[in-house]
C-alpha atoms as a PDB file:
ATOM      1  CA  MET A   1    -135.375  45.121 141.036  1.00  0.00           C
ATOM      2  CA  ASN A   2    -132.538  47.430 142.171  1.00  0.00           C
ATOM      3  CA  ARG A   3    -130.206  44.421 142.312  1.00  0.00           C
ATOM      4  CA  ILE A   4    -131.000  43.567 138.753  1.00  0.00           C
ATOM      5  CA  LEU A   5    -130.346  47.059 137.621  1.00  0.00           C
ATOM      6  CA  ILE A   6    -126.955  47.268 139.452  1.00  0.00           C
ATOM      7  CA  ILE A   7    -125.950  43.877 137.877  1.00  0.00           C
ATOM      8  CA  LEU A   8    -126.807  45.206 134.284  1.00  0.00           C
ATOM      9  CA  MET A   9    -124.832  48.396 134.890  1.00  0.00           C
ATOM     10  CA  LEU A  10    -121.909  46.522 136.083  1.00  0.00           C
ATOM     11  CA  ALA A  11    -122.049  44.138 133.148  1.00  0.00           C
ATOM     12  CA  GLY A  12    -122.210  47.186 130.764  1.00  0.00           C
ATOM     13  CA  THR A  13    -119.142  48.777 132.557  1.00  0.00           C
ATOM     14  CA  ILE A  14    -117.104  45.647 132.120  1.00  0.00           C
ATOM     15  CA  GLN A  15    -118.044  45.468 128.396  1.00  0.00           C
ATOM     16  CA  SER A  16    -117.141  49.073 127.977  1.00  0.00           C
ATOM     17  CA  ASN A  17    -113.929  48.863 129.771  1.00  0.00           C
ATOM     18  CA  ALA A  18    -112.970  45.921 127.508  1.00  0.00           C
ATOM     19  CA  GLN A  19    -113.067  48.317 124.544  1.00  0.00           C
ATOM     20  CA  ASN A  20    -112.638  51.815 125.754  1.00  0.00           C
ATOM     21  CA  VAL A  21    -110.278  53.562 128.258  1.00  0.00           C
ATOM     22  CA  PHE A  22    -111.337  56.718 130.012  1.00  0.00           C
ATOM     23  CA  PRO A  23    -108.590  57.386 132.512  1.00  0.00           C
ATOM     24  CA  SER A  24    -108.615  60.420 134.792  1.00  0.00           C
ATOM     25  CA  ASN A  25    -105.269  61.561 133.132  1.00  0.00           C
ATOM     26  CA  GLY A  26    -103.152  60.053 130.220  1.00  0.00           C
ATOM     27  CA  ASN A  27    -104.448  58.826 126.871  1.00  0.00           C
ATOM     28  CA  VAL A  28    -108.151  58.081 125.930  1.00  0.00           C
ATOM     29  CA  GLY A  29    -108.945  55.051 123.948  1.00  0.00           C
ATOM     30  CA  ILE A  30    -112.192  54.444 121.994  1.00  0.00           C
ATOM     31  CA  GLY A  31    -112.314  50.951 120.513  1.00  0.00           C
ATOM     32  CA  THR A  32    -108.896  50.167 122.032  1.00  0.00           C
ATOM     33  CA  SER A  33    -107.610  49.486 125.463  1.00  0.00           C
ATOM     34  CA  THR A  34    -104.121  50.668 124.610  1.00  0.00           C
ATOM     35  CA  PRO A  35    -104.386  54.220 123.262  1.00  0.00           C
ATOM     36  CA  GLU A  36    -101.132  55.508 121.846  1.00  0.00           C
ATOM     37  CA  VAL A  37    -101.990  59.244 121.754  1.00  0.00           C
ATOM     38  CA  LYS A  38    -104.165  61.687 123.782  1.00  0.00           C
ATOM     39  CA  LEU A  39    -107.273  60.453 121.853  1.00  0.00           C
ATOM     40  CA  ASP A  40    -106.873  57.225 119.983  1.00  0.00           C
ATOM     41  CA  VAL A  41    -110.096  56.053 118.036  1.00  0.00           C
ATOM     42  CA  ARG A  42    -110.144  52.726 116.284  1.00  0.00           C
ATOM     43  CA  GLY A  43    -113.247  53.223 114.035  1.00  0.00           C
ATOM     44  CA  ALA A  44    -115.264  55.700 112.328  1.00  0.00           C
ATOM     45  CA  ILE A  45    -116.279  59.041 113.726  1.00  0.00           C
ATOM     46  CA  ASN A  46    -119.484  60.886 113.251  1.00  0.00           C
ATOM     47  CA  ALA A  47    -119.490  64.600 114.237  1.00  0.00           C
ATOM     48  CA  TYR A  48    -122.692  66.482 114.156  1.00  0.00           C
ATOM     49  CA  SER A  49    -121.184  69.974 115.076  1.00  0.00           C
ATOM     50  CA  GLU A  50    -118.214  71.919 114.039  1.00  0.00           C
ATOM     51  CA  SER A  51    -114.977  70.329 114.868  1.00  0.00           C
ATOM     52  CA  HIS A  52    -111.724  72.288 115.604  1.00  0.00           C
ATOM     53  CA  PHE A  53    -108.093  71.262 115.039  1.00  0.00           C
ATOM     54  CA  SER A  54    -105.057  73.353 115.740  1.00  0.00           C
ATOM     55  CA  SER A  55    -101.318  72.677 116.289  1.00  0.00           C
ATOM     56  CA  THR A  56    -101.324  75.593 118.811  1.00  0.00           C
ATOM     57  CA  ILE A  57    -104.012  77.436 120.714  1.00  0.00           C
ATOM     58  CA  TYR A  58    -107.100  77.379 118.440  1.00  0.00           C
ATOM     59  CA  GLN A  59    -108.044  80.597 116.721  1.00  0.00           C
ATOM     60  CA  ASP A  60    -111.172  80.770 114.562  1.00  0.00           C
ATOM     61  CA  PRO A  61    -110.027  81.248 110.916  1.00  0.00           C
ATOM     62  CA  ASP A  62    -113.533  82.397 109.777  1.00  0.00           C
ATOM     63  CA  VAL A  63    -115.510  83.682 112.689  1.00  0.00           C
ATOM     64  CA  GLY A  64    -119.220  83.510 112.474  1.00  0.00           C
ATOM     65  CA  VAL A  65    -119.188  80.961 109.553  1.00  0.00           C
ATOM     66  CA  ALA A  66    -119.848  77.324 110.242  1.00  0.00           C
ATOM     67  CA  TYR A  67    -117.884  74.513 108.773  1.00  0.00           C
ATOM     68  CA  ALA A  68    -117.705  70.729 109.302  1.00  0.00           C
ATOM     69  CA  ILE A  69    -114.044  71.299 110.172  1.00  0.00           C
ATOM     70  CA  LYS A  70    -111.964  74.297 111.019  1.00  0.00           C
ATOM     71  CA  ILE A  71    -108.227  74.352 111.056  1.00  0.00           C
ATOM     72  CA  GLY A  72    -106.917  76.984 113.373  1.00  0.00           C
ATOM     73  CA  SER A  73    -103.263  77.047 112.415  1.00  0.00           C
ATOM     74  CA  GLY A  74    -100.544  74.688 111.052  1.00  0.00           C
ATOM     75  CA  GLY A  75    -102.469  73.377 108.118  1.00  0.00           C
ATOM     76  CA  ILE A  76    -103.302  69.865 107.123  1.00  0.00           C
ATOM     77  CA  ALA A  77    -100.970  67.211 105.887  1.00  0.00           C
ATOM     78  CA  ALA A  78    -102.328  63.986 104.441  1.00  0.00           C
ATOM     79  CA  ASN A  79     -99.811  61.240 104.276  1.00  0.00           C
ATOM     80  CA  GLY A  80     -97.053  63.847 103.884  1.00  0.00           C
ATOM     81  CA  ASN A  81     -98.277  64.455 100.351  1.00  0.00           C
ATOM     82  CA  ALA A  82    -101.012  67.065 100.486  1.00  0.00           C
ATOM     83  CA  VAL A  83    -100.712  70.268 102.496  1.00  0.00           C
ATOM     84  CA  PHE A  84    -103.382  72.985 102.966  1.00  0.00           C
ATOM     85  CA  MET A  85    -102.049  76.124 104.777  1.00  0.00           C
ATOM     86  CA  ASN A  86    -102.443  79.780 104.658  1.00  0.00           C
ATOM     87  CA  GLY A  87    -105.007  79.455 101.807  1.00  0.00           C
ATOM     88  CA  SER A  88    -102.678  77.481  99.579  1.00  0.00           C
ATOM     89  CA  VAL A  89    -102.986  73.851  98.561  1.00  0.00           C
ATOM     90  CA  GLY A  90     -99.855  71.783  98.036  1.00  0.00           C
ATOM     91  CA  ILE A  91     -99.910  68.282  96.553  1.00  0.00           C
ATOM     92  CA  GLY A  92     -96.630  66.426  96.657  1.00  0.00           C
ATOM     93  CA  CYS A  93     -94.852  69.385  98.440  1.00  0.00           C
ATOM     94  CA  LYS A  94     -94.821  70.868 101.897  1.00  0.00           C
ATOM     95  CA  SER A  95     -94.394  74.465 100.952  1.00  0.00           C
ATOM     96  CA  PRO A  96     -96.899  75.565  98.193  1.00  0.00           C
ATOM     97  CA  ALA A  97     -95.586  78.437  96.185  1.00  0.00           C
ATOM     98  CA  SER A  98     -98.955  79.338  94.874  1.00  0.00           C
ATOM     99  CA  ASP A  99    -102.584  78.868  95.541  1.00  0.00           C
ATOM    100  CA  LEU A 100    -102.362  75.383  94.025  1.00  0.00           C
ATOM    101  CA  HIS A 101     -98.831  73.713  93.770  1.00  0.00           C
ATOM    102  CA  ILE A 102     -98.431  70.182  92.372  1.00  0.00           C
ATOM    103  CA  GLN A 103     -95.044  68.676  92.656  1.00  0.00           C
ATOM    104  CA  LYS A 104     -93.942  65.371  91.283  1.00  0.00           C
ATOM    105  CA  ASN A 105     -90.517  63.802  91.625  1.00  0.00           C
ATOM    106  CA  ALA A 106     -90.714  60.744  89.211  1.00  0.00           C
ATOM    107  CA  VAL A 107     -90.097  59.963  85.576  1.00  0.00           C
ATOM    108  CA  GLY A 108     -93.316  60.011  83.480  1.00  0.00           C
ATOM    109  CA  GLY A 109     -96.823  59.586  84.890  1.00  0.00           C
ATOM    110  CA  THR A 110     -99.810  61.853  85.062  1.00  0.00           C
ATOM    111  CA  VAL A 111     -99.471  64.909  87.491  1.00  0.00           C
ATOM    112  CA  ALA A 112    -103.024  65.944  87.254  1.00  0.00           C
ATOM    113  CA  THR A 113    -106.437  64.670  85.827  1.00  0.00           C
ATOM    114  CA  ILE A 114    -109.670  66.640  85.453  1.00  0.00           C
ATOM    115  CA  GLU A 115    -112.646  64.202  84.734  1.00  0.00           C
ATOM    116  CA  ASN A 116    -116.302  64.621  84.692  1.00  0.00           C
ATOM    117  CA  THR A 117    -118.072  61.129  84.778  1.00  0.00           C
ATOM    118  CA  TYR A 118    -121.519  62.404  84.599  1.00  0.00           C
ATOM    119  CA  ASP A 119    -121.749  63.796  81.076  1.00  0.00           C
ATOM    120  CA  SER A 120    -118.048  63.365  79.891  1.00  0.00           C
ATOM    121  CA  TYR A 121    -117.750  67.227  79.651  1.00  0.00           C
ATOM    122  CA  ALA A 122    -114.683  68.600  81.375  1.00  0.00           C
ATOM    123  CA  HIS A 123    -113.253  72.047  81.186  1.00  0.00           C
ATOM    124  CA  LEU A 124    -110.579  74.193  82.768  1.00  0.00           C
ATOM    125  CA  GLU A 125    -111.037  77.949  83.231  1.00  0.00           C
ATOM    126  CA  LEU A 126    -108.580  80.832  83.724  1.00  0.00           C
ATOM    127  CA  LYS A 127    -110.453  83.896  84.865  1.00  0.00           C
ATOM    128  CA  SER A 128    -109.659  87.533  85.991  1.00  0.00           C
ATOM    129  CA  ASN A 129    -111.354  90.820  85.522  1.00  0.00           C
ATOM    130  CA  ASN A 130    -114.567  89.046  84.422  1.00  0.00           C
ATOM    131  CA  LYS A 131    -112.614  87.714  81.281  1.00  0.00           C
ATOM    132  CA  THR A 132    -112.346  84.047  80.994  1.00  0.00           C
ATOM    133  CA  TRP A 133    -110.357  81.676  79.017  1.00  0.00           C
ATOM    134  CA  GLN A 134    -111.610  78.034  78.853  1.00  0.00           C
ATOM    135  CA  TRP A 135    -110.196  74.650  77.788  1.00  0.00           C
ATOM    136  CA  SER A 136    -112.909  72.314  77.196  1.00  0.00           C
ATOM    137  CA  LYS A 137    -113.701  68.717  75.987  1.00  0.00           C
ATOM    138  CA  ARG A 138    -117.337  67.963  75.115  1.00  0.00           C
ATOM    139  CA  PRO A 139    -118.060  64.795  72.999  1.00  0.00           C
ATOM    140  CA  SER A 140    -121.455  65.711  72.242  1.00  0.00           C
ATOM    141  CA  TYR A 141    -120.556  69.052  70.700  1.00  0.00           C
ATOM    142  CA  GLU A 142    -116.837  69.008  70.028  1.00  0.00           C
ATOM    143  CA  GLY A 143    -116.308  65.313  69.021  1.00  0.00           C
ATOM    144  CA  ASP A 144    -113.903  64.578  71.911  1.00  0.00           C
ATOM    145  CA  GLY A 145    -111.489  67.260  70.712  1.00  0.00           C
ATOM    146  CA  LEU A 146    -109.813  70.046  72.749  1.00  0.00           C
ATOM    147  CA  ASN A 147    -111.140  73.450  72.323  1.00  0.00           C
ATOM    148  CA  LEU A 148    -110.088  76.928  73.475  1.00  0.00           C
ATOM    149  CA  TRP A 149    -112.988  79.344  74.269  1.00  0.00           C
ATOM    150  CA  TYR A 150    -113.019  82.996  75.381  1.00  0.00           C
ATOM    151  CA  ARG A 151    -115.546  85.077  77.169  1.00  0.00           C
ATOM    152  CA  ASN A 152    -115.688  88.803  78.063  1.00  0.00           C
ATOM    153  CA  ASN A 153    -118.087  89.382  81.081  1.00  0.00           C
ATOM    154  CA  ASN A 154    -121.469  88.011  79.984  1.00  0.00           C
ATOM    155  CA  ASP A 155    -120.830  88.120  76.255  1.00  0.00           C
ATOM    156  CA  PRO A 156    -121.448  84.833  74.333  1.00  0.00           C
ATOM    157  CA  TRP A 157    -118.592  82.362  74.276  1.00  0.00           C
ATOM    158  CA  ARG A 158    -116.338  82.474  71.385  1.00  0.00           C
ATOM    159  CA  GLN A 159    -114.411  79.548  70.214  1.00  0.00           C
ATOM    160  CA  HIS A 160    -110.769  80.308  68.980  1.00  0.00           C
ATOM    161  CA  LEU A 161    -108.773  77.024  68.713  1.00  0.00           C
ATOM    162  CA  THR A 162    -109.826  73.524  67.931  1.00  0.00           C
ATOM    163  CA  ILE A 163    -107.651  70.341  68.283  1.00  0.00           C
ATOM    164  CA  THR A 164    -109.225  67.254  66.828  1.00  0.00           C
ATOM    165  CA  THR A 165    -108.523  63.623  67.902  1.00  0.00           C
ATOM    166  CA  SER A 166    -106.669  63.333  64.692  1.00  0.00           C
ATOM    167  CA  GLY A 167    -104.249  66.004  65.684  1.00  0.00           C
ATOM    168  CA  ASN A 168    -105.581  68.643  63.204  1.00  0.00           C
ATOM    169  CA  PHE A 169    -105.506  72.195  64.351  1.00  0.00           C
ATOM    170  CA  GLY A 170    -108.274  74.755  63.520  1.00  0.00           C
ATOM    171  CA  ILE A 171    -107.611  78.438  64.269  1.00  0.00           C
ATOM    172  CA  GLY A 172    -110.749  80.604  63.723  1.00  0.00           C
ATOM    173  CA  THR A 173    -112.801  77.482  62.561  1.00  0.00           C
ATOM    174  CA  VAL A 174    -114.370  74.540  64.386  1.00  0.00           C
ATOM    175  CA  ASP A 175    -113.729  72.154  61.587  1.00  0.00           C
ATOM    176  CA  PRO A 176    -110.193  71.853  60.188  1.00  0.00           C
ATOM    177  CA  LYS A 177    -111.523  68.905  58.163  1.00  0.00           C
ATOM    178  CA  ASP A 178    -108.559  66.878  56.979  1.00  0.00           C
ATOM    179  CA  TYR A 179    -105.922  69.607  57.202  1.00  0.00           C
ATOM    180  CA  LYS A 180    -103.224  69.500  59.824  1.00  0.00           C
ATOM    181  CA  LEU A 181    -103.525  73.269  60.082  1.00  0.00           C
ATOM    182  CA  ALA A 182    -106.646  75.354  59.056  1.00  0.00           C
ATOM    183  CA  VAL A 183    -106.704  78.954  59.682  1.00  0.00           C
ATOM    184  CA  ASN A 184    -109.819  81.112  58.895  1.00  0.00           C
ATOM    185  CA  GLY A 185    -108.365  84.698  58.954  1.00  0.00           C
ATOM    186  CA  PRO A 186    -105.152  86.604  58.196  1.00  0.00           C
ATOM    187  CA  ALA A 187    -101.789  85.146  59.019  1.00  0.00           C
ATOM    188  CA  ILE A 188     -98.144  86.568  59.080  1.00  0.00           C
ATOM    189  CA  PHE A 189     -94.931  84.764  59.184  1.00  0.00           C
ATOM    190  CA  THR A 190     -91.363  85.868  59.597  1.00  0.00           C
ATOM    191  CA  LYS A 191     -90.234  82.467  58.033  1.00  0.00           C
ATOM    192  CA  ALA A 192     -92.170  79.575  56.440  1.00  0.00           C
ATOM    193  CA  VAL A 193     -90.669  76.382  55.068  1.00  0.00           C
ATOM    194  CA  ILE A 194     -92.717  74.150  52.640  1.00  0.00           C
ATOM    195  CA  LYS A 195     -91.259  70.667  52.155  1.00  0.00           C
ATOM    196  CA  ASN A 196     -92.423  68.965  48.912  1.00  0.00           C
ATOM    197  CA  TYR A 197     -91.971  65.295  48.415  1.00  0.00           C
ATOM    198  CA  SER A 198     -92.477  65.319  44.717  1.00  0.00           C
ATOM    199  CA  ASN A 199     -89.698  66.282  42.068  1.00  0.00           C
ATOM    200  CA  TRP A 200     -88.620  69.852  42.272  1.00  0.00           C
ATOM    201  CA  PRO A 201     -88.796  71.159  38.524  1.00  0.00           C
ATOM    202  CA  ASP A 202     -84.934  71.242  37.840  1.00  0.00           C
ATOM    203  CA  TYR A 203     -85.744  68.667  35.274  1.00  0.00           C
ATOM    204  CA  VAL A 204     -86.765  71.537  32.962  1.00  0.00           C
ATOM    205  CA  PHE A 205     -82.955  72.114  32.454  1.00  0.00           C
ATOM    206  CA  ASP A 206     -82.434  68.570  31.413  1.00  0.00           C
ATOM    207  CA  SER A 207     -81.341  68.049  27.820  1.00  0.00           C
ATOM    208  CA  ASN A 208     -84.351  65.699  27.120  1.00  0.00           C
ATOM    209  CA  TYR A 209     -86.830  68.153  28.358  1.00  0.00           C
ATOM    210  CA  GLN A 210     -89.298  69.158  25.661  1.00  0.00           C
ATOM    211  CA  LEU A 211     -89.892  72.889  26.011  1.00  0.00           C
ATOM    212  CA  PRO A 212     -93.142  73.985  24.723  1.00  0.00           C
ATOM    213  CA  SER A 213     -93.201  76.298  21.745  1.00  0.00           C
ATOM    214  CA  LEU A 214     -94.209  79.865  22.326  1.00  0.00           C
ATOM    215  CA  GLU A 215     -96.873  79.427  19.557  1.00  0.00           C
ATOM    216  CA  SER A 216     -98.509  76.614  21.530  1.00  0.00           C
ATOM    217  CA  ILE A 217     -98.444  78.606  24.707  1.00  0.00           C
ATOM    218  CA  SER A 218     -99.993  81.544  22.946  1.00  0.00           C
ATOM    219  CA  ILE A 219    -102.862  79.340  21.544  1.00  0.00           C
ATOM    220  CA  PHE A 220    -103.510  77.863  24.991  1.00  0.00           C
ATOM    221  CA  ILE A 221    -103.654  81.382  26.680  1.00  0.00           C
ATOM    222  CA  LYS A 222    -106.180  82.525  24.033  1.00  0.00           C
ATOM    223  CA  GLU A 223    -108.431  79.539  24.730  1.00  0.00           C
ATOM    224  CA  ASN A 224    -108.111  79.246  28.559  1.00  0.00           C
ATOM    225  CA  LYS A 225    -107.022  82.687  29.782  1.00  0.00           C
ATOM    226  CA  HIS A 226    -104.311  81.222  31.976  1.00  0.00           C
ATOM    227  CA  LEU A 227    -100.841  79.433  31.638  1.00  0.00           C
ATOM    228  CA  PRO A 228    -100.712  75.750  31.008  1.00  0.00           C
ATOM    229  CA  GLU A 229    -100.603  73.644  34.327  1.00  0.00           C
ATOM    230  CA  VAL A 230    -101.446  76.667  36.380  1.00  0.00           C
ATOM    231  CA  PRO A 231    -104.896  76.484  38.066  1.00  0.00           C
ATOM    232  CA  SER A 232    -107.650  79.019  36.771  1.00  0.00           C
ATOM    233  CA  ALA A 233    -108.998  81.691  38.842  1.00  0.00           C
ATOM    234  CA  LEU A 234    -112.284  79.781  39.075  1.00  0.00           C
ATOM    235  CA  ALA A 235    -110.449  76.731  40.496  1.00  0.00           C
ATOM    236  CA  ILE A 236    -108.556  78.703  43.063  1.00  0.00           C
ATOM    237  CA  GLU A 237    -111.682  80.407  44.176  1.00  0.00           C
ATOM    238  CA  ARG A 238    -113.475  77.189  44.528  1.00  0.00           C
ATOM    239  CA  ASP A 239    -110.689  74.857  45.942  1.00  0.00           C
ATOM    240  CA  GLY A 240    -108.003  77.238  47.166  1.00  0.00           C
ATOM    241  CA  HIS A 241    -104.270  76.320  46.265  1.00  0.00           C
ATOM    242  CA  ASP A 242    -101.428  74.289  47.545  1.00  0.00           C
ATOM    243  CA  LEU A 243     -98.756  76.613  48.380  1.00  0.00           C
ATOM    244  CA  GLY A 244     -96.031  74.100  47.790  1.00  0.00           C
ATOM    245  CA  GLU A 245     -97.569  73.046  44.384  1.00  0.00           C
ATOM    246  CA  VAL A 246     -98.019  76.636  43.295  1.00  0.00           C
ATOM    247  CA  GLN A 247     -94.420  77.503  44.151  1.00  0.00           C
ATOM    248  CA  LYS A 248     -93.208  74.417  42.152  1.00  0.00           C
ATOM    249  CA  LEU A 249     -95.499  75.470  39.267  1.00  0.00           C
ATOM    250  CA  LEU A 250     -94.159  79.103  39.365  1.00  0.00           C
ATOM    251  CA  LEU A 251     -90.545  77.845  39.542  1.00  0.00           C
ATOM    252  CA  LYS A 252     -91.184  75.697  36.489  1.00  0.00           C
ATOM    253  CA  LYS A 253     -92.465  78.585  34.536  1.00  0.00           C
ATOM    254  CA  VAL A 254     -89.622  80.783  35.587  1.00  0.00           C
ATOM    255  CA  GLU A 255     -87.122  78.073  34.426  1.00  0.00           C
ATOM    256  CA  GLU A 256     -88.961  77.627  31.037  1.00  0.00           C
ATOM    257  CA  LEU A 257     -89.075  81.457  30.755  1.00  0.00           C
ATOM    258  CA  THR A 258     -85.282  81.421  31.381  1.00  0.00           C
ATOM    259  CA  LEU A 259     -84.793  78.874  28.590  1.00  0.00           C
ATOM    260  CA  TYR A 260     -86.960  81.052  26.262  1.00  0.00           C
ATOM    261  CA  VAL A 261     -84.847  84.172  27.085  1.00  0.00           C
ATOM    262  CA  ILE A 262     -81.615  82.125  26.445  1.00  0.00           C
ATOM    263  CA  GLU A 263     -82.973  81.089  23.062  1.00  0.00           C
ATOM    264  CA  LEU A 264     -83.990  84.658  22.299  1.00  0.00           C
ATOM    265  CA  LYS A 265     -80.637  86.003  23.267  1.00  0.00           C
ATOM    266  CA  LYS A 266     -78.970  83.350  20.859  1.00  0.00           C
ATOM    267  CA  GLU A 267     -81.237  84.536  18.121  1.00  0.00           C
ATOM    268  CA  ASN A 268     -80.417  88.208  18.928  1.00  0.00           C
ATOM    269  CA  GLU A 269     -76.750  87.446  18.815  1.00  0.00           C
ATOM    270  CA  ASN A 270     -77.143  85.644  15.350  1.00  0.00           C
ATOM    271  CA  ILE A 271     -79.219  88.573  14.145  1.00  0.00           C
ATOM    272  CA  LYS A 272     -76.510  91.024  15.421  1.00  0.00           C
ATOM    273  CA  ASN A 273     -73.670  88.941  13.783  1.00  0.00           C
ATOM    274  CA  GLU A 274     -75.667  88.683  10.599  1.00  0.00           C
ATOM    275  CA  SER A 275     -76.235  92.491  10.780  1.00  0.00           C
ATOM    276  CA  GLN A 276     -72.650  93.164  11.123  1.00  0.00           C
ATOM    277  CA  LYS A 277     -71.772  90.918   8.238  1.00  0.00           C
ATOM    278  CA  GLN A 278     -74.264  92.867   6.116  1.00  0.00           C
ATOM    279  CA  ARG A 279     -72.786  96.257   7.329  1.00  0.00           C
ATOM    280  CA  LYS A 280     -69.407  95.185   6.304  1.00  0.00           C
ATOM    281  CA  GLN A 281     -70.589  93.926   2.968  1.00  0.00           C
ATOM    282  CA  ILE A 282     -72.430  97.386   2.527  1.00  0.00           C
ATOM    283  CA  GLU A 283     -69.239  99.220   3.445  1.00  0.00           C
ATOM    284  CA  GLN A 284     -67.254  97.066   1.037  1.00  0.00           C
ATOM    285  CA  MET A 285     -69.846  97.825  -1.719  1.00  0.00           C
ATOM    286  CA  ARG A 286     -69.633 101.510  -0.951  1.00  0.00           C
ATOM    287  CA  HIS A 287     -65.892 101.330  -1.186  1.00  0.00           C
ATOM    288  CA  GLN A 288     -66.063  99.500  -4.435  1.00  0.00           C
ATOM    289  CA  ASN A 289     -68.577 102.014  -5.848  1.00  0.00           C
ATOM    290  CA  SER A 290     -66.357 104.830  -4.739  1.00  0.00           C
ATOM    291  CA  ILE A 291     -63.567 103.267  -6.586  1.00  0.00           C
ATOM    292  CA  ILE A 292     -65.563 102.806  -9.788  1.00  0.00           C
ATOM    293  CA  LYS A 293     -66.833 106.405  -9.620  1.00  0.00           C
ATOM    294  CA  ASN A 294     -63.196 107.773  -9.345  1.00  0.00           C
ATOM    295  CA  TYR A 295     -62.147 105.554 -12.210  1.00  0.00           C
ATOM    296  CA  VAL A 296     -65.061 106.666 -14.427  1.00  0.00           C
ATOM    297  CA  LYS A 297     -64.128 110.377 -13.831  1.00  0.00           C
ATOM    298  CA  GLN A 298     -60.515 109.746 -14.877  1.00  0.00           C
END
């Protein structure tokens, strides 16, 4: 019986030595007979207690708290692309300048991706002093658009900005509809340029333009309570107004008004000239009357 046991032990030792090397000094190999470093493992490792790694003498970075792996010093480098050291994470760089530093040295390409494959809801938060800004993408609620939310402490979330998949922006509104920019609230500009693709109303000064008569405009105003072509107050309240179109209409009315003023000036000049003629005639008549009176007295 003892002989059989010894034979089995020798057989196991031979098999073990064929795959593993445990010398009294030098490199240790598991799964290989030619280890290249102090511990060379060719295969998976299962560790059921805390494992320590350090480039120098190991010092516990978080005493009393258990982790699967603890790094005493020196950080971790993965394929030379990811670095974890001193509480900072560097991806693509060896010396992270912030808590998370992503560096890419290539033309184009995606630098970072945030994806949730569970319910397609992904968000990125910036938080300090219990105040949080959040960029979110939720197909079930936001239609796959990009939305900016804000929350102060435990107050309800407030949505401030919406960008739809069509490229429409909504500020203060969750539904910009078909407008490229929809703003629900006051706005201020130091400069605004509106480009119209239709004809600018310089055609009013064309010699073929039919200027409406003041009489017809007067009749229209009495019947409709607003200028011709200009939207009514009810239409503006219901539909809003197109700034470019309104500016174009206002300019048209100013140009028409300019023509009316020019005509009135011509009429005034004619009246003035006619008045001067009449005054001259009156002076001549007075002079003649004076001559007649003097003649009669003689």
